[in-house]
C-alpha atoms as a PDB file:
ATOM      1  CA  MET A   1     112.810 117.095 119.752  1.00  0.00           C
ATOM      2  CA  LYS A   2     108.917 116.364 120.190  1.00  0.00           C
ATOM      3  CA  LEU A   3     107.915 114.795 123.876  1.00  0.00           C
ATOM      4  CA  SER A   4     106.823 111.313 121.525  1.00  0.00           C
ATOM      5  CA  GLU A   5     110.433 111.178 119.745  1.00  0.00           C
ATOM      6  CA  LYS A   6     112.088 110.647 122.836  1.00  0.00           C
ATOM      7  CA  TRP A   7     111.269 107.270 123.103  1.00  0.00           C
ATOM      8  CA  LEU A   8     112.045 106.731 119.068  1.00  0.00           C
ATOM      9  CA  PRO A   9     115.057 104.854 118.590  1.00  0.00           C
ATOM     10  CA  SER A  10     117.589 106.537 116.297  1.00  0.00           C
ATOM     11  CA  PRO A  11     116.701 107.982 112.765  1.00  0.00           C
ATOM     12  CA  LEU A  12     119.668 105.234 111.596  1.00  0.00           C
ATOM     13  CA  VAL A  13     118.071 102.378 113.931  1.00  0.00           C
ATOM     14  CA  THR A  14     114.660 103.671 112.944  1.00  0.00           C
ATOM     15  CA  ALA A  15     115.384 103.516 108.791  1.00  0.00           C
ATOM     16  CA  MET A  16     117.293  99.987 109.045  1.00  0.00           C
ATOM     17  CA  MET A  17     114.027  98.728 111.037  1.00  0.00           C
ATOM     18  CA  ALA A  18     111.705 100.240 107.870  1.00  0.00           C
ATOM     19  CA  VAL A  19     114.214  98.265 104.857  1.00  0.00           C
ATOM     20  CA  PHE A  20     114.002  95.326 107.351  1.00  0.00           C
ATOM     21  CA  PHE A  21     110.358  95.071 107.628  1.00  0.00           C
ATOM     22  CA  GLY A  22     110.853  95.425 103.757  1.00  0.00           C
ATOM     23  CA  THR A  23     112.703  92.494 103.846  1.00  0.00           C
ATOM     24  CA  LEU A  24     110.009  90.492 105.785  1.00  0.00           C
ATOM     25  CA  MET A  25     107.448  90.992 103.298  1.00  0.00           C
ATOM     26  CA  ASP A  26     109.614  89.949 100.465  1.00  0.00           C
ATOM     27  CA  ALA A  27     110.216  87.054 102.193  1.00  0.00           C
ATOM     28  CA  SER A  28     106.648  85.867 103.328  1.00  0.00           C
ATOM     29  CA  VAL A  29     105.695  86.572  99.590  1.00  0.00           C
ATOM     30  CA  ARG A  30     108.227  83.976  98.656  1.00  0.00           C
ATOM     31  CA  TYR A  31     107.212  82.046 101.505  1.00  0.00           C
ATOM     32  CA  VAL A  32     103.726  81.739 100.866  1.00  0.00           C
ATOM     33  CA  ASN A  33     103.782  82.144  96.571  1.00  0.00           C
ATOM     34  CA  GLU A  34     103.358  78.526  96.198  1.00  0.00           C
ATOM     35  CA  SER A  35      99.981  78.756  97.750  1.00  0.00           C
ATOM     36  CA  VAL A  36      98.610  81.954  96.509  1.00  0.00           C
ATOM     37  CA  ASP A  37      97.987  83.261  93.260  1.00  0.00           C
ATOM     38  CA  LEU A  38     100.286  86.158  92.541  1.00  0.00           C
ATOM     39  CA  PHE A  39      97.753  88.393  91.317  1.00  0.00           C
ATOM     40  CA  ALA A  40      95.662  87.580  94.789  1.00  0.00           C
ATOM     41  CA  LEU A  41      99.065  88.285  96.634  1.00  0.00           C
ATOM     42  CA  ALA A  42      99.487  91.848  95.303  1.00  0.00           C
ATOM     43  CA  PHE A  43      95.954  92.193  95.574  1.00  0.00           C
ATOM     44  CA  TRP A  44      95.592  91.693  99.175  1.00  0.00           C
ATOM     45  CA  ARG A  45      98.586  93.073  99.838  1.00  0.00           C
ATOM     46  CA  PHE A  46      96.799  96.315  98.968  1.00  0.00           C
ATOM     47  CA  ALA A  47      94.455  95.972 100.301  1.00  0.00           C
ATOM     48  CA  PHE A  48      94.799  95.371 103.738  1.00  0.00           C
ATOM     49  CA  ALA A  49      97.724  98.274 103.733  1.00  0.00           C
ATOM     50  CA  THR A  50      94.951 100.783 102.602  1.00  0.00           C
ATOM     51  CA  LEU A  51      92.707  99.244 105.346  1.00  0.00           C
ATOM     52  CA  PHE A  52      95.646  99.572 107.910  1.00  0.00           C
ATOM     53  CA  VAL A  53      96.473 103.373 106.775  1.00  0.00           C
ATOM     54  CA  SER A  54      93.008 104.799 105.976  1.00  0.00           C
ATOM     55  CA  VAL A  55      91.507 103.780 109.231  1.00  0.00           C
ATOM     56  CA  PRO A  56      93.997 106.398 111.264  1.00  0.00           C
ATOM     57  CA  PHE A  57      93.987 108.131 108.264  1.00  0.00           C
ATOM     58  CA  PHE A  58      90.313 109.614 108.302  1.00  0.00           C
ATOM     59  CA  LEU A  59      89.828 108.870 112.323  1.00  0.00           C
ATOM     60  CA  SER A  60      92.520 112.019 112.290  1.00  0.00           C
ATOM     61  CA  ARG A  61      90.066 113.902 110.118  1.00  0.00           C
ATOM     62  CA  ARG A  62      92.613 114.391 107.338  1.00  0.00           C
ATOM     63  CA  ARG A  63      90.994 115.338 104.034  1.00  0.00           C
ATOM     64  CA  LEU A  64      92.794 114.358 100.921  1.00  0.00           C
ATOM     65  CA  PRO A  65      94.006 116.121  98.114  1.00  0.00           C
ATOM     66  CA  GLY A  66      91.786 117.571  95.144  1.00  0.00           C
ATOM     67  CA  TRP A  67      90.721 116.188  91.887  1.00  0.00           C
ATOM     68  CA  ALA A  68      93.890 116.363  89.975  1.00  0.00           C
ATOM     69  CA  ALA A  69      95.836 114.885  92.783  1.00  0.00           C
ATOM     70  CA  THR A  70      93.492 112.117  92.743  1.00  0.00           C
ATOM     71  CA  ARG A  71      94.182 111.559  89.073  1.00  0.00           C
ATOM     72  CA  PHE A  72      97.606 111.804  89.369  1.00  0.00           C
ATOM     73  CA  HIS A  73      98.182 109.064  91.663  1.00  0.00           C
ATOM     74  CA  ALA A  74      95.593 106.939  90.279  1.00  0.00           C
ATOM     75  CA  LEU A  75      98.122 107.071  87.219  1.00  0.00           C
ATOM     76  CA  ARG A  76     101.125 106.351  89.673  1.00  0.00           C
ATOM     77  CA  GLY A  77      99.262 103.928  91.633  1.00  0.00           C
ATOM     78  CA  LEU A  78      98.649 101.463  88.154  1.00  0.00           C
ATOM     79  CA  ILE A  79     102.521 102.099  87.785  1.00  0.00           C
ATOM     80  CA  HIS A  80     103.244 100.693  91.600  1.00  0.00           C
ATOM     81  CA  ALA A  81     100.937  97.685  90.926  1.00  0.00           C
ATOM     82  CA  LEU A  82     103.022  96.654  87.924  1.00  0.00           C
ATOM     83  CA  ALA A  83     106.414  97.163  89.594  1.00  0.00           C
ATOM     84  CA  THR A  84     105.006  94.929  92.532  1.00  0.00           C
ATOM     85  CA  THR A  85     103.226  92.246  90.401  1.00  0.00           C
ATOM     86  CA  LEU A  86     106.618  92.236  88.517  1.00  0.00           C
ATOM     87  CA  PHE A  87     108.667  91.916  91.708  1.00  0.00           C
ATOM     88  CA  PHE A  88     106.261  89.024  93.375  1.00  0.00           C
ATOM     89  CA  PHE A  89     107.051  87.420  90.335  1.00  0.00           C
ATOM     90  CA  ALA A  90     110.380  87.303  90.454  1.00  0.00           C
ATOM     91  CA  LEU A  91     110.435  86.199  94.012  1.00  0.00           C
ATOM     92  CA  SER A  92     108.889  83.221  92.712  1.00  0.00           C
ATOM     93  CA  ARG A  93     111.704  82.982  90.422  1.00  0.00           C
ATOM     94  CA  LEU A  94     114.841  83.762  91.910  1.00  0.00           C
ATOM     95  CA  GLU A  95     116.675  83.407  95.267  1.00  0.00           C
ATOM     96  CA  LEU A  96     115.803  85.984  98.015  1.00  0.00           C
ATOM     97  CA  ALA A  97     119.356  87.770  98.160  1.00  0.00           C
ATOM     98  CA  VAL A  98     119.659  87.391  94.306  1.00  0.00           C
ATOM     99  CA  VAL A  99     116.270  89.433  93.850  1.00  0.00           C
ATOM    100  CA  THR A 100     116.695  92.042  96.564  1.00  0.00           C
ATOM    101  CA  THR A 101     120.411  92.770  94.884  1.00  0.00           C
ATOM    102  CA  LEU A 102     119.029  93.075  91.397  1.00  0.00           C
ATOM    103  CA  GLY A 103     116.372  95.651  92.982  1.00  0.00           C
ATOM    104  CA  PHE A 104     119.285  98.281  93.809  1.00  0.00           C
ATOM    105  CA  THR A 105     119.530  98.647  90.104  1.00  0.00           C
ATOM    106  CA  ALA A 106     116.426 100.719  91.055  1.00  0.00           C
ATOM    107  CA  ALA A 107     118.155 103.836  91.852  1.00  0.00           C
ATOM    108  CA  LEU A 108     120.076 103.860  88.894  1.00  0.00           C
ATOM    109  CA  LEU A 109     117.333 103.948  87.192  1.00  0.00           C
ATOM    110  CA  ILE A 110     115.992 107.053  88.502  1.00  0.00           C
ATOM    111  CA  VAL A 111     118.422 109.064  86.814  1.00  0.00           C
ATOM    112  CA  PRO A 112     117.804 108.199  83.182  1.00  0.00           C
ATOM    113  CA  VAL A 113     113.735 108.128  84.698  1.00  0.00           C
ATOM    114  CA  ALA A 114     114.345 111.703  86.016  1.00  0.00           C
ATOM    115  CA  TRP A 115     116.140 112.980  82.517  1.00  0.00           C
ATOM    116  CA  LEU A 116     113.659 111.346  80.132  1.00  0.00           C
ATOM    117  CA  MET A 117     110.680 112.774  82.500  1.00  0.00           C
ATOM    118  CA  LEU A 118     111.409 116.154  84.035  1.00  0.00           C
ATOM    119  CA  LYS A 119     114.015 116.926  81.370  1.00  0.00           C
ATOM    120  CA  GLU A 120     116.666 116.851  84.671  1.00  0.00           C
ATOM    121  CA  ARG A 121     120.114 116.165  83.222  1.00  0.00           C
ATOM    122  CA  PRO A 122     121.963 113.631  84.562  1.00  0.00           C
ATOM    123  CA  ALA A 123     125.663 114.140  86.595  1.00  0.00           C
ATOM    124  CA  GLY A 124     128.736 112.676  84.998  1.00  0.00           C
ATOM    125  CA  ASN A 125     128.770 110.439  87.707  1.00  0.00           C
ATOM    126  CA  ALA A 126     125.358 108.862  86.526  1.00  0.00           C
ATOM    127  CA  VAL A 127     126.939 107.640  83.534  1.00  0.00           C
ATOM    128  CA  LEU A 128     129.712 105.779  85.007  1.00  0.00           C
ATOM    129  CA  ALA A 129     127.357 104.682  87.612  1.00  0.00           C
ATOM    130  CA  ALA A 130     124.851 103.031  85.112  1.00  0.00           C
ATOM    131  CA  GLY A 131     128.212 100.953  83.299  1.00  0.00           C
ATOM    132  CA  LEU A 132     128.845  99.672  86.535  1.00  0.00           C
ATOM    133  CA  GLY A 133     125.343  98.642  87.933  1.00  0.00           C
ATOM    134  CA  PHE A 134     125.209  96.617  84.615  1.00  0.00           C
ATOM    135  CA  VAL A 135     128.573  94.997  85.216  1.00  0.00           C
ATOM    136  CA  GLY A 136     126.697  94.226  89.137  1.00  0.00           C
ATOM    137  CA  VAL A 137     124.142  93.199  87.605  1.00  0.00           C
ATOM    138  CA  THR A 138     125.820  90.712  85.208  1.00  0.00           C
ATOM    139  CA  VAL A 139     128.002  89.489  88.139  1.00  0.00           C
ATOM    140  CA  THR A 140     125.245  88.840  90.415  1.00  0.00           C
ATOM    141  CA  PHE A 141     122.825  87.223  87.994  1.00  0.00           C
ATOM    142  CA  ALA A 142     126.014  84.887  86.698  1.00  0.00           C
ATOM    143  CA  GLY A 143     127.115  84.266  90.302  1.00  0.00           C
ATOM    144  CA  SER A 144     123.490  82.745  90.976  1.00  0.00           C
ATOM    145  CA  ASP A 145     124.787  79.564  89.461  1.00  0.00           C
ATOM    146  CA  LEU A 146     128.094  79.116  87.937  1.00  0.00           C
ATOM    147  CA  SER A 147     127.105  76.383  85.683  1.00  0.00           C
ATOM    148  CA  LEU A 148     125.995  79.263  83.277  1.00  0.00           C
ATOM    149  CA  GLN A 149     123.027  77.310  82.239  1.00  0.00           C
ATOM    150  CA  PHE A 150     120.066  78.791  83.664  1.00  0.00           C
ATOM    151  CA  THR A 151     116.273  77.539  83.431  1.00  0.00           C
ATOM    152  CA  ALA A 152     113.797  79.439  81.835  1.00  0.00           C
ATOM    153  CA  GLU A 153     111.875  80.759  85.102  1.00  0.00           C
ATOM    154  CA  GLU A 154     115.221  82.423  85.773  1.00  0.00           C
ATOM    155  CA  ILE A 155     114.978  84.140  83.038  1.00  0.00           C
ATOM    156  CA  GLN A 156     111.817  85.063  83.611  1.00  0.00           C
ATOM    157  CA  GLY A 157     112.586  85.836  87.038  1.00  0.00           C
ATOM    158  CA  LEU A 158     115.884  88.586  86.099  1.00  0.00           C
ATOM    159  CA  VAL A 159     113.168  90.173  83.261  1.00  0.00           C
ATOM    160  CA  ALA A 160     110.561  90.556  85.916  1.00  0.00           C
ATOM    161  CA  VAL A 161     113.060  92.286  88.838  1.00  0.00           C
ATOM    162  CA  LEU A 162     114.557  94.453  86.311  1.00  0.00           C
ATOM    163  CA  GLY A 163     111.180  95.495  85.143  1.00  0.00           C
ATOM    164  CA  ALA A 164     110.065  95.892  88.479  1.00  0.00           C
ATOM    165  CA  ALA A 165     112.604  98.569  89.047  1.00  0.00           C
ATOM    166  CA  PHE A 166     112.265 100.408  86.011  1.00  0.00           C
ATOM    167  CA  PHE A 167     108.917 100.864  87.048  1.00  0.00           C
ATOM    168  CA  TYR A 168     109.667 101.474  90.970  1.00  0.00           C
ATOM    169  CA  ALA A 169     112.275 104.309  88.962  1.00  0.00           C
ATOM    170  CA  ILE A 170     108.803 105.893  87.205  1.00  0.00           C
ATOM    171  CA  SER A 171     106.988 105.757  90.322  1.00  0.00           C
ATOM    172  CA  VAL A 172     109.408 107.958  92.588  1.00  0.00           C
ATOM    173  CA  VAL A 173     110.453 110.342  89.462  1.00  0.00           C
ATOM    174  CA  MET A 174     106.899 110.953  89.479  1.00  0.00           C
ATOM    175  CA  LEU A 175     106.098 111.095  93.495  1.00  0.00           C
ATOM    176  CA  ARG A 176     108.562 114.306  93.156  1.00  0.00           C
ATOM    177  CA  LYS A 177     105.919 116.167  91.835  1.00  0.00           C
ATOM    178  CA  ARG A 178     103.345 115.859  94.134  1.00  0.00           C
ATOM    179  CA  ALA A 179     105.056 114.484  97.271  1.00  0.00           C
ATOM    180  CA  ALA A 180     105.661 118.177  98.742  1.00  0.00           C
ATOM    181  CA  ASP A 181     102.301 119.488  98.377  1.00  0.00           C
ATOM    182  CA  ASP A 182     100.212 116.475  99.434  1.00  0.00           C
ATOM    183  CA  GLY A 183     101.880 115.512 102.246  1.00  0.00           C
ATOM    184  CA  ALA A 184     103.283 111.779 103.285  1.00  0.00           C
ATOM    185  CA  PHE A 185     100.343 110.443 104.713  1.00  0.00           C
ATOM    186  CA  ALA A 186      97.827 111.021 102.327  1.00  0.00           C
ATOM    187  CA  VAL A 187     100.264 109.893  99.380  1.00  0.00           C
ATOM    188  CA  THR A 188     100.979 106.683 101.104  1.00  0.00           C
ATOM    189  CA  VAL A 189      97.088 106.221 101.262  1.00  0.00           C
ATOM    190  CA  TYR A 190      96.468 107.113  97.432  1.00  0.00           C
ATOM    191  CA  ALA A 191      99.894 104.420  96.685  1.00  0.00           C
ATOM    192  CA  ASN A 192      97.847 101.436  98.672  1.00  0.00           C
ATOM    193  CA  PHE A 193      94.589 102.467  97.586  1.00  0.00           C
ATOM    194  CA  PHE A 194      94.954 102.950  93.884  1.00  0.00           C
ATOM    195  CA  PRO A 195      97.195  99.554  93.445  1.00  0.00           C
ATOM    196  CA  SER A 196      94.676  97.449  95.026  1.00  0.00           C
ATOM    197  CA  VAL A 197      92.149  99.215  92.559  1.00  0.00           C
ATOM    198  CA  PHE A 198      93.761  98.207  89.409  1.00  0.00           C
ATOM    199  CA  LEU A 199      94.667  94.917  90.802  1.00  0.00           C
ATOM    200  CA  ALA A 200      91.112  93.888  92.371  1.00  0.00           C
ATOM    201  CA  VAL A 201      90.164  92.994  88.191  1.00  0.00           C
ATOM    202  CA  PRO A 202      92.357  90.559  87.742  1.00  0.00           C
ATOM    203  CA  ASN A 203      92.382  89.098  91.399  1.00  0.00           C
ATOM    204  CA  PHE A 204      88.246  88.381  91.518  1.00  0.00           C
ATOM    205  CA  ALA A 205      88.917  87.510  87.223  1.00  0.00           C
ATOM    206  CA  LEU A 206      91.732  84.931  87.221  1.00  0.00           C
ATOM    207  CA  ALA A 207      93.261  84.017  90.262  1.00  0.00           C
ATOM    208  CA  ASP A 208      91.915  81.677  92.787  1.00  0.00           C
ATOM    209  CA  GLN A 209      91.168  83.644  96.424  1.00  0.00           C
ATOM    210  CA  PRO A 210      93.250  82.156  99.036  1.00  0.00           C
ATOM    211  CA  ASP A 211      92.205  79.990 101.484  1.00  0.00           C
ATOM    212  CA  PHE A 212      91.308  81.209 104.805  1.00  0.00           C
ATOM    213  CA  GLY A 213      94.298  79.553 106.422  1.00  0.00           C
ATOM    214  CA  ASP A 214      96.445  82.125 104.167  1.00  0.00           C
ATOM    215  CA  ILE A 215      94.641  85.015 105.692  1.00  0.00           C
ATOM    216  CA  PRO A 216      97.058  85.682 108.670  1.00  0.00           C
ATOM    217  CA  ILE A 217      99.913  85.816 106.249  1.00  0.00           C
ATOM    218  CA  LEU A 218      98.385  88.749 103.652  1.00  0.00           C
ATOM    219  CA  CYS A 219      97.373  90.824 106.667  1.00  0.00           C
ATOM    220  CA  MET A 220     101.101  90.568 107.660  1.00  0.00           C
ATOM    221  CA  LEU A 221     101.845  91.993 104.005  1.00  0.00           C
ATOM    222  CA  GLY A 222     100.038  94.795 104.614  1.00  0.00           C
ATOM    223  CA  PHE A 223     101.085  95.444 108.241  1.00  0.00           C
ATOM    224  CA  PHE A 224     104.796  95.181 106.707  1.00  0.00           C
ATOM    225  CA  GLY A 225     103.704  97.908 103.790  1.00  0.00           C
ATOM    226  CA  MET A 226     102.346  99.807 106.243  1.00  0.00           C
ATOM    227  CA  MET A 227     105.217  99.782 108.742  1.00  0.00           C
ATOM    228  CA  ILE A 228     107.614 100.880 106.122  1.00  0.00           C
ATOM    229  CA  TRP A 229     106.210 103.912 105.397  1.00  0.00           C
ATOM    230  CA  VAL A 230     105.046 104.534 109.223  1.00  0.00           C
ATOM    231  CA  LEU A 231     109.268 103.737 109.804  1.00  0.00           C
ATOM    232  CA  MET A 232     110.398 105.504 106.974  1.00  0.00           C
ATOM    233  CA  THR A 233     108.859 109.029 107.410  1.00  0.00           C
ATOM    234  CA  SER A 234     109.725 108.659 111.164  1.00  0.00           C
ATOM    235  CA  ALA A 235     113.682 108.575 110.059  1.00  0.00           C
ATOM    236  CA  TYR A 236     113.618 110.741 107.263  1.00  0.00           C
ATOM    237  CA  SER A 237     111.682 113.936 109.176  1.00  0.00           C
ATOM    238  CA  ARG A 238     114.296 113.738 111.675  1.00  0.00           C
ATOM    239  CA  ALA A 239     118.028 113.286 109.483  1.00  0.00           C
ATOM    240  CA  PRO A 240     119.393 114.190 106.290  1.00  0.00           C
ATOM    241  CA  ALA A 241     118.118 111.788 103.623  1.00  0.00           C
ATOM    242  CA  GLN A 242     121.944 111.209 102.687  1.00  0.00           C
ATOM    243  CA  LYS A 243     122.748 109.859 106.122  1.00  0.00           C
ATOM    244  CA  LEU A 244     120.309 107.440 106.103  1.00  0.00           C
ATOM    245  CA  ALA A 245     120.270 106.791 102.169  1.00  0.00           C
ATOM    246  CA  PRO A 246     123.303 104.044 103.347  1.00  0.00           C
ATOM    247  CA  THR A 247     120.610 102.010 105.589  1.00  0.00           C
ATOM    248  CA  GLU A 248     118.605 100.865 101.994  1.00  0.00           C
ATOM    249  CA  TYR A 249     121.570  98.063 101.647  1.00  0.00           C
ATOM    250  CA  THR A 250     120.965  96.294 104.692  1.00  0.00           C
ATOM    251  CA  ALA A 251     118.497  94.418 102.979  1.00  0.00           C
ATOM    252  CA  LEU A 252     120.348  92.673 101.289  1.00  0.00           C
ATOM    253  CA  LEU A 253     121.661  90.813 104.895  1.00  0.00           C
ATOM    254  CA  TRP A 254     119.130  90.417 106.286  1.00  0.00           C
ATOM    255  CA  SER A 255     117.787  89.009 102.716  1.00  0.00           C
ATOM    256  CA  ALA A 256     120.582  86.867 103.447  1.00  0.00           C
ATOM    257  CA  VAL A 257     120.029  86.152 106.663  1.00  0.00           C
ATOM    258  CA  ILE A 258     116.545  84.927 105.963  1.00  0.00           C
ATOM    259  CA  GLY A 259     116.929  83.507 102.976  1.00  0.00           C
ATOM    260  CA  TRP A 260     119.519  80.723 104.517  1.00  0.00           C
ATOM    261  CA  LEU A 261     117.463  80.227 107.948  1.00  0.00           C
ATOM    262  CA  VAL A 262     113.571  80.016 106.205  1.00  0.00           C
ATOM    263  CA  PHE A 263     114.912  78.949 102.742  1.00  0.00           C
ATOM    264  CA  ASP A 264     117.793  77.359 102.885  1.00  0.00           C
ATOM    265  CA  GLU A 265     119.586  79.643 100.235  1.00  0.00           C
ATOM    266  CA  VAL A 266     123.210  80.648 100.343  1.00  0.00           C
ATOM    267  CA  PRO A 267     124.411  83.064  98.387  1.00  0.00           C
ATOM    268  CA  THR A 268     127.634  82.711  96.057  1.00  0.00           C
ATOM    269  CA  LEU A 269     130.386  84.413  96.576  1.00  0.00           C
ATOM    270  CA  TRP A 270     129.891  85.733  93.369  1.00  0.00           C
ATOM    271  CA  VAL A 271     126.666  87.194  94.313  1.00  0.00           C
ATOM    272  CA  TRP A 272     128.170  89.300  96.882  1.00  0.00           C
ATOM    273  CA  ALA A 273     130.434  90.589  94.795  1.00  0.00           C
ATOM    274  CA  GLY A 274     127.539  91.574  92.421  1.00  0.00           C
ATOM    275  CA  ALA A 275     125.889  93.074  95.379  1.00  0.00           C
ATOM    276  CA  GLY A 276     128.967  95.605  96.150  1.00  0.00           C
ATOM    277  CA  ILE A 277     129.534  96.401  92.679  1.00  0.00           C
ATOM    278  CA  THR A 278     125.740  97.198  92.149  1.00  0.00           C
ATOM    279  CA  ILE A 279     125.952  98.784  95.677  1.00  0.00           C
ATOM    280  CA  SER A 280     128.986 100.860  94.916  1.00  0.00           C
ATOM    281  CA  ALA A 281     127.335 101.872  91.517  1.00  0.00           C
ATOM    282  CA  CYS A 282     124.409 103.389  93.771  1.00  0.00           C
ATOM    283  CA  VAL A 283     126.534 105.242  96.152  1.00  0.00           C
ATOM    284  CA  ILE A 284     128.229 106.880  93.165  1.00  0.00           C
ATOM    285  CA  VAL A 285     125.178 107.954  91.645  1.00  0.00           C
ATOM    286  CA  SER A 286     123.854 109.700  94.569  1.00  0.00           C
ATOM    287  CA  ARG A 287     126.439 111.948  94.865  1.00  0.00           C
ATOM    288  CA  LYS A 288     125.839 115.667  93.135  1.00  0.00           C
ATOM    289  CA  PRO A 289     128.880 116.601  91.400  1.00  0.00           C
ATOM    290  CA  ARG A 290     128.495 119.023  88.066  1.00  0.00           C
ATOM    291  CA  THR A 291     125.942 117.891  84.899  1.00  0.00           C
ATOM    292  CA  LEU A 292     126.827 116.966  81.991  1.00  0.00           C
ATOM    293  CA  VAL A 293     126.954 119.907  79.490  1.00  0.00           C
END
């Protein structure tokens, strides 16, 4: 172990801290989305994160990969910008815990997306997990309003979060092609810089710019985004991914607590049941049995 790692928490605790920062970012978005335009919110989240990540990157005298990698990450940045904008929009329409639970479907969508993009045949358990995940989504969304009389905003939120999960799955699959070659630090610079570039046009052309009083929380969004990467990188460099993967599901606990304390949102038992089903589907799909023939 390196000397600097002696002062770090265990990989499991570090990964849980990363998930916590992710939930803080989502809660901050939900808190400020009534006063800050959607495109401005998404743009400044990436702009500040780019600043926070790029400064130490270039001070360390690292160099970005070549032009081929830059073009690849530009395309991935566009997809990442779409996923983030849709997810932020969903946070303005649905409760925090509900959005968090529905967002878990990204793990299920990675399998079919990898099949289409990388020709990776899905494992037999992927079919079961997909069906189970669909049930989990249905129970979660239906449980958020037991009267089943959903408003147009709630339907929009459902479509947005599932769209965000789909684009996020594409982003993750694309990352498999370049992460090992480009390095985590450079990937993080690209992952924040290009979305900010693509979001700059709708932000400055269509959105009302945030008031000066909103700047601190926008800086916090960028800081949270940076901390997610810093902590996750530290955790996954010291422990197997299989051991740390379950920490992702602690996001539901964080979102439930923050939703209750800040937004007075209390998830129904049906939402918890749907979360359990969805998480079970994610656990199933993470296993590696024989592939289908």
